[in-house]
Protein backbone atom coordinates (compact mmCIF):
# COMPACT_ATOMS: atom_id res chain seq x y z
CA MET A 1 -26.33 -2.59 -7.20
CA LYS A 2 -24.08 -4.79 -6.08
CA MET A 3 -21.81 -3.47 -3.61
CA PRO A 4 -18.67 -3.63 -3.69
CA HIS A 5 -16.24 -5.94 -1.88
CA LEU A 6 -13.71 -3.76 -0.30
CA ASN A 7 -10.88 -6.25 0.29
CA ARG A 8 -7.91 -3.98 0.22
CA ALA A 9 -6.17 -1.65 2.89
CA LEU A 10 -4.34 1.13 0.88
CA VAL A 11 -3.17 4.35 2.75
CA LEU A 12 -4.14 7.77 0.92
CA GLU A 13 -0.97 10.27 0.75
CA ALA A 14 -1.33 13.58 -0.18
CA PRO A 15 1.74 15.36 -1.79
CA THR A 16 3.44 18.15 0.16
CA GLN A 17 6.68 20.28 -0.38
CA VAL A 18 9.61 20.31 1.79
CA SER A 19 12.93 23.09 1.53
CA ASP A 20 16.20 20.57 0.09
CA GLY A 21 18.27 23.43 2.43
CA ALA A 22 19.78 24.78 -1.34
CA GLY A 23 16.50 27.38 -1.92
CA GLY A 24 14.45 24.06 -3.54
CA TYR A 25 11.72 22.22 -2.54
CA ILE A 26 11.59 18.61 -3.09
CA ARG A 27 8.21 16.39 -3.11
CA GLN A 28 7.00 14.29 -0.05
CA TRP A 29 4.03 12.19 0.59
CA GLU A 30 1.99 12.75 3.84
CA PRO A 31 -0.14 9.66 5.03
CA LEU A 32 -3.57 10.94 5.27
CA GLY A 33 -5.72 7.72 6.59
CA VAL A 34 -6.17 4.19 5.72
CA HIS A 35 -9.13 3.37 3.24
CA TRP A 36 -10.64 -0.22 2.51
CA ALA A 37 -10.97 -0.16 -1.16
CA ALA A 38 -12.11 -2.80 -4.20
CA ILE A 39 -9.48 -2.94 -7.40
CA LYS A 40 -10.45 -3.16 -10.78
CA PRO A 41 -7.59 -3.43 -13.18
CA GLY A 42 -7.57 -1.82 -16.54
CA SER A 43 -6.01 -3.04 -19.93
CA GLY A 44 -2.17 -1.76 -19.57
CA ARG A 45 -0.20 -0.73 -22.14
CA GLU A 46 3.88 -0.22 -22.23
CA THR A 47 5.99 2.73 -23.26
CA ALA A 48 9.56 3.70 -23.39
CA ALA A 49 10.49 6.32 -21.19
CA PHE A 50 14.45 7.33 -20.33
CA ALA A 51 16.33 4.42 -20.49
CA ALA A 52 13.44 1.95 -19.83
CA THR A 53 10.37 0.37 -20.75
CA VAL A 54 7.48 1.96 -18.53
CA SER A 55 4.20 -0.49 -18.10
CA ARG A 56 1.31 1.66 -17.10
CA VAL A 57 -2.26 -0.15 -15.91
CA PRO A 58 -5.28 2.20 -14.89
CA TYR A 59 -7.41 0.88 -12.41
CA ARG A 60 -10.67 1.83 -10.82
CA ILE A 61 -10.37 2.22 -6.93
CA THR A 62 -13.73 2.20 -4.88
CA VAL A 63 -13.74 3.51 -1.41
CA ARG A 64 -16.10 4.59 1.15
CA ALA A 65 -17.55 7.94 0.23
CA ALA A 66 -16.34 11.22 2.48
CA PRO A 67 -17.70 14.39 2.86
CA HIS A 68 -16.72 17.12 0.33
CA GLY A 69 -14.01 18.62 1.94
CA ALA A 70 -12.79 16.23 4.18
CA ALA A 71 -9.23 15.30 4.27
CA SER A 72 -10.28 11.83 4.31
CA ARG A 73 -12.00 11.97 0.47
CA PRO A 74 -9.28 11.18 -2.23
CA VAL A 75 -9.05 14.11 -4.45
CA ALA A 76 -6.73 14.00 -8.26
CA GLY A 77 -3.07 15.07 -7.75
CA GLN A 78 -3.37 12.22 -4.53
CA ARG A 79 -2.13 8.41 -4.18
CA PHE A 80 -3.04 5.58 -2.91
CA ARG A 81 -0.28 3.33 -1.44
CA GLU A 82 -0.17 -0.68 -1.02
CA GLY A 83 3.08 -1.76 0.60
CA ASN A 84 5.40 -0.68 -2.69
CA ARG A 85 3.10 -0.45 -4.97
CA PHE A 86 1.90 3.26 -5.80
CA PHE A 87 -1.52 4.32 -7.53
CA GLU A 88 -1.50 7.90 -9.02
CA ILE A 89 -5.19 9.37 -8.65
CA THR A 90 -6.12 11.26 -11.73
CA ALA A 91 -10.14 12.00 -11.00
CA VAL A 92 -12.37 10.91 -8.21
CA ALA A 93 -16.99 10.37 -9.30
CA GLU A 94 -19.45 8.94 -7.14
CA HIS A 95 -19.78 5.45 -7.42
CA ASP A 96 -23.77 4.90 -6.71
CA ALA A 97 -26.80 7.31 -6.71
CA ASP A 98 -26.86 7.14 -2.62
CA GLN A 99 -23.28 8.64 -3.04
CA ARG A 100 -22.13 6.05 -0.71
CA TYR A 101 -18.91 4.90 -2.69
CA LEU A 102 -16.62 6.74 -4.44
CA THR A 103 -14.68 5.76 -7.57
CA CYS A 104 -11.27 6.52 -7.75
CA HIS A 105 -9.55 6.50 -11.78
CA ALA A 106 -5.40 5.74 -10.59
CA THR A 107 -2.72 4.87 -12.85
CA GLU A 108 -0.02 2.73 -11.35
CA GLU A 109 3.68 2.66 -13.30
CA THR A 110 6.34 0.33 -12.85
CA ALA A 111 9.59 0.19 -15.02
CA SER A 112 10.28 -3.50 -16.70
């Protein structure tokens, strides 16, 4: 099996709830660490959302594996950030039989 080329630094972030001071909560993102990753895009699509057109592209993001339960192991509901780009993680699976890498299925949405 060919080893992935991990050439992009992505910040793994987890959602947290913070009080908004009015009895509710707002969602903020807490950085958990940096992962070197290989990113492969899938085929995108456009949809209408509110008053804009939204482009949604699926990605397969490969990172080094971390043990189950470790804070550095990505899980669905978290996201990767690269500058102003955000990749919402929808699923995570082992990439290889030796469990050295993980494949994170993610989507990126951009307004067009």
